Amino acid sequence: MRVFKLAKSWPTLNTLIKIIGNSVGALGNLTLVLAIIVFIFAVVGMQLFGKNYQDCVCKISYDCTLPRWHMKDFFHSFLIVFRVLCGEWIETMWDCMEVAGQPLCILVFMLVMVIGNLV
């Protein structure tokens, strides 16, 4: 609280606090748009690849159990989309290509990377 009292008497600090406040408002809108994009891609991934992960799990797992990164449910699909946006997409795309086929997985993963990184 003392910082805000100091800002009233120090014009440069007051200007800096106003700029930071305006930036946080715009960042909130951007975060909301990114969350909507991640939600949409998680639902698309779950709908397109969820059944394939269940039916063809023996192609990617020796004991025929689902791996940690799969798109069978919404939560894991959401985590995969978040992982792709963070740059860790190679292993999950390889598993997707093994269970669902190359063209569709490459298309979806590239769309996630391009659209997600543009937002």
N, C-alpha and C. Protein backbone atom coordinates (compact mmCIF):
# COMPACT_ATOMS: atom_id res chain seq x y z
N MET A 1 0.81 -1.19 0.00
CA MET A 1 0.00 0.00 0.00
C MET A 1 0.86 1.27 0.00
N ARG A 2 2.02 1.18 0.60
CA ARG A 2 2.88 2.37 0.62
C ARG A 2 3.37 2.74 -0.77
N VAL A 3 3.47 1.72 -1.65
CA VAL A 3 3.91 1.99 -3.01
C VAL A 3 2.91 2.90 -3.72
N PHE A 4 1.62 2.65 -3.49
CA PHE A 4 0.60 3.47 -4.14
C PHE A 4 0.57 4.89 -3.57
N LYS A 5 0.84 5.03 -2.28
CA LYS A 5 0.94 6.38 -1.70
C LYS A 5 2.15 7.11 -2.26
N LEU A 6 3.24 6.35 -2.46
CA LEU A 6 4.43 6.94 -3.05
C LEU A 6 4.19 7.33 -4.50
N ALA A 7 3.37 6.56 -5.20
CA ALA A 7 3.08 6.84 -6.61
C ALA A 7 2.35 8.16 -6.79
N LYS A 8 1.54 8.54 -5.82
CA LYS A 8 0.82 9.81 -5.91
C LYS A 8 1.79 10.99 -5.89
N SER A 9 2.86 10.86 -5.13
CA SER A 9 3.81 11.96 -5.05
C SER A 9 4.95 11.84 -6.07
N TRP A 10 5.07 10.71 -6.72
CA TRP A 10 6.13 10.48 -7.70
C TRP A 10 5.48 10.22 -9.06
N PRO A 11 5.45 11.21 -9.94
CA PRO A 11 4.68 11.11 -11.20
C PRO A 11 5.17 9.99 -12.13
N THR A 12 6.46 9.73 -12.15
CA THR A 12 6.97 8.68 -13.04
C THR A 12 6.48 7.30 -12.59
N LEU A 13 6.49 7.05 -11.29
CA LEU A 13 5.99 5.79 -10.76
C LEU A 13 4.49 5.67 -10.98
N ASN A 14 3.78 6.77 -10.86
CA ASN A 14 2.34 6.78 -11.11
C ASN A 14 2.04 6.39 -12.56
N THR A 15 2.81 6.94 -13.49
CA THR A 15 2.64 6.60 -14.91
C THR A 15 2.94 5.13 -15.15
N LEU A 16 3.99 4.62 -14.53
CA LEU A 16 4.37 3.22 -14.68
C LEU A 16 3.28 2.29 -14.15
N ILE A 17 2.69 2.60 -13.03
CA ILE A 17 1.62 1.78 -12.46
C ILE A 17 0.39 1.80 -13.36
N LYS A 18 0.07 2.94 -13.96
CA LYS A 18 -1.07 3.02 -14.88
C LYS A 18 -0.82 2.17 -16.13
N ILE A 19 0.39 2.20 -16.66
CA ILE A 19 0.72 1.40 -17.84
C ILE A 19 0.62 -0.09 -17.53
N ILE A 20 1.13 -0.50 -16.38
CA ILE A 20 1.05 -1.91 -15.99
C ILE A 20 -0.41 -2.32 -15.79
N GLY A 21 -1.21 -1.47 -15.20
CA GLY A 21 -2.63 -1.77 -15.01
C GLY A 21 -3.37 -1.94 -16.33
N ASN A 22 -3.08 -1.08 -17.30
CA ASN A 22 -3.72 -1.21 -18.61
C ASN A 22 -3.26 -2.49 -19.33
N SER A 23 -2.02 -2.86 -19.16
CA SER A 23 -1.50 -4.08 -19.80
C SER A 23 -2.13 -5.33 -19.21
N VAL A 24 -2.36 -5.34 -17.92
CA VAL A 24 -2.97 -6.51 -17.27
C VAL A 24 -4.38 -6.71 -17.80
N GLY A 25 -5.11 -5.64 -18.05
CA GLY A 25 -6.46 -5.77 -18.61
C GLY A 25 -6.45 -6.40 -19.98
N ALA A 26 -5.54 -5.98 -20.84
CA ALA A 26 -5.43 -6.56 -22.18
C ALA A 26 -4.94 -8.01 -22.11
N LEU A 27 -4.08 -8.30 -21.16
CA LEU A 27 -3.57 -9.66 -21.01
C LEU A 27 -4.67 -10.61 -20.58
N GLY A 28 -5.62 -10.12 -19.80
CA GLY A 28 -6.75 -10.95 -19.40
C GLY A 28 -7.59 -11.36 -20.59
N ASN A 29 -7.84 -10.43 -21.51
CA ASN A 29 -8.60 -10.76 -22.72
C ASN A 29 -7.85 -11.78 -23.58
N LEU A 30 -6.55 -11.60 -23.71
CA LEU A 30 -5.74 -12.52 -24.50
C LEU A 30 -5.74 -13.92 -23.88
N THR A 31 -5.68 -13.98 -22.57
CA THR A 31 -5.71 -15.26 -21.87
C THR A 31 -7.05 -15.97 -22.09
N LEU A 32 -8.12 -15.21 -22.09
CA LEU A 32 -9.44 -15.79 -22.34
C LEU A 32 -9.53 -16.36 -23.76
N VAL A 33 -9.03 -15.63 -24.74
CA VAL A 33 -9.04 -16.11 -26.12
C VAL A 33 -8.20 -17.38 -26.25
N LEU A 34 -7.03 -17.41 -25.63
CA LEU A 34 -6.18 -18.59 -25.68
C LEU A 34 -6.85 -19.79 -25.01
N ALA A 35 -7.52 -19.56 -23.89
CA ALA A 35 -8.22 -20.66 -23.20
C ALA A 35 -9.34 -21.22 -24.07
N ILE A 36 -10.05 -20.36 -24.79
CA ILE A 36 -11.10 -20.83 -25.70
C ILE A 36 -10.51 -21.65 -26.83
N ILE A 37 -9.39 -21.19 -27.39
CA ILE A 37 -8.72 -21.93 -28.47
C ILE A 37 -8.26 -23.30 -27.98
N VAL A 38 -7.66 -23.35 -26.81
CA VAL A 38 -7.20 -24.63 -26.25
C VAL A 38 -8.39 -25.55 -26.00
N PHE A 39 -9.49 -25.00 -25.49
CA PHE A 39 -10.69 -25.79 -25.25
C PHE A 39 -11.22 -26.39 -26.55
N ILE A 40 -11.30 -25.57 -27.59
CA ILE A 40 -11.81 -26.05 -28.88
C ILE A 40 -10.93 -27.17 -29.44
N PHE A 41 -9.62 -26.97 -29.42
CA PHE A 41 -8.73 -28.01 -29.95
C PHE A 41 -8.74 -29.27 -29.08
N ALA A 42 -8.94 -29.12 -27.78
CA ALA A 42 -9.03 -30.31 -26.92
C ALA A 42 -10.27 -31.12 -27.25
N VAL A 43 -11.39 -30.45 -27.48
CA VAL A 43 -12.62 -31.17 -27.85
C VAL A 43 -12.46 -31.82 -29.23
N VAL A 44 -11.87 -31.10 -30.18
CA VAL A 44 -11.65 -31.66 -31.52
C VAL A 44 -10.74 -32.89 -31.44
N GLY A 45 -9.65 -32.79 -30.70
CA GLY A 45 -8.75 -33.92 -30.55
C GLY A 45 -9.40 -35.11 -29.88
N MET A 46 -10.21 -34.84 -28.86
CA MET A 46 -10.89 -35.92 -28.17
C MET A 46 -11.89 -36.61 -29.10
N GLN A 47 -12.61 -35.83 -29.89
CA GLN A 47 -13.60 -36.41 -30.80
C GLN A 47 -12.95 -37.17 -31.96
N LEU A 48 -11.86 -36.64 -32.48
CA LEU A 48 -11.22 -37.28 -33.63
C LEU A 48 -10.38 -38.50 -33.25
N PHE A 49 -9.67 -38.42 -32.13
CA PHE A 49 -8.67 -39.43 -31.81
C PHE A 49 -8.98 -40.28 -30.59
N GLY A 50 -9.99 -39.94 -29.82
CA GLY A 50 -10.27 -40.67 -28.58
C GLY A 50 -10.53 -42.15 -28.78
N LYS A 51 -11.38 -42.47 -29.73
CA LYS A 51 -11.70 -43.88 -30.00
C LYS A 51 -10.49 -44.62 -30.55
N ASN A 52 -9.68 -43.95 -31.35
CA ASN A 52 -8.48 -44.60 -31.90
C ASN A 52 -7.49 -44.96 -30.80
N TYR A 53 -7.35 -44.09 -29.80
CA TYR A 53 -6.45 -44.40 -28.68
C TYR A 53 -6.95 -45.62 -27.92
N GLN A 54 -8.26 -45.76 -27.80
CA GLN A 54 -8.80 -46.91 -27.07
C GLN A 54 -8.66 -48.20 -27.88
N ASP A 55 -8.93 -48.13 -29.18
CA ASP A 55 -8.92 -49.33 -30.01
C ASP A 55 -7.52 -49.80 -30.38
N CYS A 56 -6.59 -48.88 -30.60
CA CYS A 56 -5.25 -49.23 -31.10
C CYS A 56 -4.16 -48.99 -30.07
N VAL A 57 -4.48 -49.11 -28.79
CA VAL A 57 -3.51 -48.79 -27.75
C VAL A 57 -2.33 -49.75 -27.76
N CYS A 58 -2.50 -50.96 -28.26
CA CYS A 58 -1.40 -51.93 -28.28
C CYS A 58 -0.29 -51.54 -29.25
N LYS A 59 -0.57 -50.61 -30.17
CA LYS A 59 0.47 -50.14 -31.09
C LYS A 59 1.49 -49.24 -30.40
N ILE A 60 1.08 -48.57 -29.31
CA ILE A 60 1.97 -47.62 -28.65
C ILE A 60 2.35 -48.04 -27.23
N SER A 61 1.76 -49.12 -26.73
CA SER A 61 2.05 -49.56 -25.37
C SER A 61 2.23 -51.07 -25.37
N TYR A 62 3.31 -51.54 -24.76
CA TYR A 62 3.60 -52.97 -24.75
C TYR A 62 2.57 -53.77 -23.96
N ASP A 63 2.08 -53.20 -22.86
CA ASP A 63 1.12 -53.92 -22.03
C ASP A 63 -0.33 -53.53 -22.34
N CYS A 64 -0.54 -52.85 -23.44
CA CYS A 64 -1.88 -52.47 -23.93
C CYS A 64 -2.66 -51.62 -22.93
N THR A 65 -1.96 -50.75 -22.21
CA THR A 65 -2.63 -49.78 -21.36
C THR A 65 -2.40 -48.39 -21.95
N LEU A 66 -3.31 -47.49 -21.65
CA LEU A 66 -3.18 -46.14 -22.18
C LEU A 66 -1.93 -45.46 -21.63
N PRO A 67 -1.18 -44.79 -22.46
CA PRO A 67 -0.02 -44.05 -21.95
C PRO A 67 -0.46 -42.80 -21.20
N ARG A 68 0.48 -42.13 -20.62
CA ARG A 68 0.17 -40.92 -19.87
C ARG A 68 -0.45 -39.85 -20.77
N TRP A 69 0.07 -39.70 -21.97
CA TRP A 69 -0.41 -38.68 -22.89
C TRP A 69 -1.30 -39.32 -23.94
N HIS A 70 -2.60 -39.17 -23.78
CA HIS A 70 -3.56 -39.70 -24.73
C HIS A 70 -4.72 -38.71 -24.87
N MET A 71 -5.58 -38.96 -25.85
CA MET A 71 -6.71 -38.05 -26.08
C MET A 71 -8.04 -38.77 -25.88
N LYS A 72 -8.08 -39.73 -24.99
CA LYS A 72 -9.31 -40.48 -24.79
C LYS A 72 -10.34 -39.66 -24.01
N ASP A 73 -9.92 -38.83 -23.10
CA ASP A 73 -10.86 -37.98 -22.37
C ASP A 73 -10.45 -36.51 -22.50
N PHE A 74 -11.34 -35.64 -22.03
CA PHE A 74 -11.12 -34.21 -22.23
C PHE A 74 -9.89 -33.71 -21.47
N PHE A 75 -9.71 -34.16 -20.25
CA PHE A 75 -8.60 -33.67 -19.43
C PHE A 75 -7.26 -33.95 -20.09
N HIS A 76 -7.06 -35.18 -20.53
CA HIS A 76 -5.78 -35.52 -21.16
C HIS A 76 -5.63 -34.85 -22.52
N SER A 77 -6.72 -34.69 -23.23
CA SER A 77 -6.66 -33.98 -24.51
C SER A 77 -6.29 -32.51 -24.29
N PHE A 78 -6.84 -31.91 -23.25
CA PHE A 78 -6.50 -30.53 -22.89
C PHE A 78 -5.01 -30.42 -22.56
N LEU A 79 -4.50 -31.39 -21.82
CA LEU A 79 -3.09 -31.37 -21.46
C LEU A 79 -2.19 -31.53 -22.68
N ILE A 80 -2.61 -32.36 -23.64
CA ILE A 80 -1.81 -32.52 -24.86
C ILE A 80 -1.78 -31.23 -25.65
N VAL A 81 -2.92 -30.55 -25.77
CA VAL A 81 -2.94 -29.28 -26.51
C VAL A 81 -2.04 -28.27 -25.80
N PHE A 82 -2.10 -28.21 -24.49
CA PHE A 82 -1.23 -27.30 -23.74
C PHE A 82 0.24 -27.67 -23.94
N ARG A 83 0.52 -28.97 -23.97
CA ARG A 83 1.89 -29.44 -24.19
C ARG A 83 2.39 -29.06 -25.58
N VAL A 84 1.52 -29.15 -26.57
CA VAL A 84 1.89 -28.76 -27.94
C VAL A 84 2.22 -27.27 -27.97
N LEU A 85 1.43 -26.46 -27.30
CA LEU A 85 1.67 -25.02 -27.28
C LEU A 85 2.96 -24.67 -26.54
N CYS A 86 3.37 -25.52 -25.62
CA CYS A 86 4.64 -25.30 -24.91
C CYS A 86 5.85 -25.78 -25.71
N GLY A 87 5.61 -26.51 -26.80
CA GLY A 87 6.71 -26.95 -27.64
C GLY A 87 7.08 -28.41 -27.50
N GLU A 88 6.43 -29.14 -26.63
CA GLU A 88 6.72 -30.57 -26.42
C GLU A 88 5.71 -31.41 -27.19
N TRP A 89 5.79 -31.41 -28.49
CA TRP A 89 4.75 -32.03 -29.30
C TRP A 89 5.19 -33.28 -30.04
N ILE A 90 6.47 -33.57 -30.09
CA ILE A 90 6.96 -34.63 -30.96
C ILE A 90 6.48 -36.01 -30.52
N GLU A 91 6.63 -36.34 -29.23
CA GLU A 91 6.24 -37.67 -28.76
C GLU A 91 4.75 -37.89 -28.87
N THR A 92 3.96 -36.89 -28.53
CA THR A 92 2.52 -37.06 -28.58
C THR A 92 2.02 -37.15 -30.02
N MET A 93 2.65 -36.42 -30.93
CA MET A 93 2.24 -36.53 -32.33
C MET A 93 2.64 -37.90 -32.89
N TRP A 94 3.77 -38.42 -32.48
CA TRP A 94 4.18 -39.74 -32.95
C TRP A 94 3.19 -40.81 -32.48
N ASP A 95 2.78 -40.74 -31.21
CA ASP A 95 1.78 -41.69 -30.71
C ASP A 95 0.46 -41.54 -31.46
N CYS A 96 0.07 -40.32 -31.73
CA CYS A 96 -1.17 -40.08 -32.47
C CYS A 96 -1.08 -40.66 -33.88
N MET A 97 0.06 -40.49 -34.52
CA MET A 97 0.22 -41.04 -35.87
C MET A 97 0.20 -42.56 -35.85
N GLU A 98 0.67 -43.17 -34.77
CA GLU A 98 0.65 -44.63 -34.67
C GLU A 98 -0.77 -45.16 -34.52
N VAL A 99 -1.62 -44.46 -33.77
CA VAL A 99 -2.96 -44.99 -33.51
C VAL A 99 -4.01 -44.48 -34.49
N ALA A 100 -3.83 -43.30 -35.07
CA ALA A 100 -4.90 -42.71 -35.88
C ALA A 100 -4.52 -42.44 -37.33
N GLY A 101 -3.27 -42.56 -37.68
CA GLY A 101 -2.86 -42.29 -39.05
C GLY A 101 -2.17 -40.95 -39.19
N GLN A 102 -1.27 -40.88 -40.13
CA GLN A 102 -0.42 -39.69 -40.26
C GLN A 102 -1.13 -38.43 -40.73
N PRO A 103 -1.92 -38.44 -41.79
CA PRO A 103 -2.41 -37.16 -42.34
C PRO A 103 -3.26 -36.36 -41.36
N LEU A 104 -4.18 -37.02 -40.68
CA LEU A 104 -5.07 -36.30 -39.78
C LEU A 104 -4.33 -35.76 -38.57
N CYS A 105 -3.43 -36.55 -38.01
CA CYS A 105 -2.67 -36.09 -36.84
C CYS A 105 -1.77 -34.91 -37.19
N ILE A 106 -1.10 -35.00 -38.32
CA ILE A 106 -0.22 -33.90 -38.72
C ILE A 106 -1.03 -32.63 -38.92
N LEU A 107 -2.19 -32.75 -39.56
CA LEU A 107 -3.04 -31.59 -39.79
C LEU A 107 -3.48 -30.95 -38.48
N VAL A 108 -3.98 -31.76 -37.56
CA VAL A 108 -4.47 -31.21 -36.29
C VAL A 108 -3.34 -30.61 -35.47
N PHE A 109 -2.21 -31.30 -35.37
CA PHE A 109 -1.11 -30.79 -34.57
C PHE A 109 -0.53 -29.51 -35.16
N MET A 110 -0.44 -29.43 -36.47
CA MET A 110 0.06 -28.20 -37.10
C MET A 110 -0.92 -27.04 -36.92
N LEU A 111 -2.22 -27.32 -37.00
CA LEU A 111 -3.21 -26.28 -36.74
C LEU A 111 -3.11 -25.77 -35.30
N VAL A 112 -2.94 -26.70 -34.36
CA VAL A 112 -2.78 -26.29 -32.96
C VAL A 112 -1.55 -25.41 -32.80
N MET A 113 -0.45 -25.80 -33.41
CA MET A 113 0.78 -25.01 -33.28
C MET A 113 0.64 -23.64 -33.92
N VAL A 114 0.11 -23.58 -35.12
CA VAL A 114 0.04 -22.30 -35.84
C VAL A 114 -0.98 -21.37 -35.18
N ILE A 115 -2.21 -21.85 -35.01
CA ILE A 115 -3.25 -20.98 -34.45
C ILE A 115 -2.96 -20.65 -32.99
N GLY A 116 -2.52 -21.65 -32.22
CA GLY A 116 -2.23 -21.39 -30.81
C GLY A 116 -1.08 -20.42 -30.60
N ASN A 117 -0.06 -20.50 -31.43
CA ASN A 117 1.08 -19.59 -31.28
C ASN A 117 0.79 -18.21 -31.84
N LEU A 118 -0.16 -18.10 -32.75
CA LEU A 118 -0.55 -16.77 -33.24
C LEU A 118 -1.38 -16.01 -32.21
N VAL A 119 -2.12 -16.75 -31.39
CA VAL A 119 -2.92 -16.10 -30.36
C VAL A 119 -1.98 -15.65 -29.27
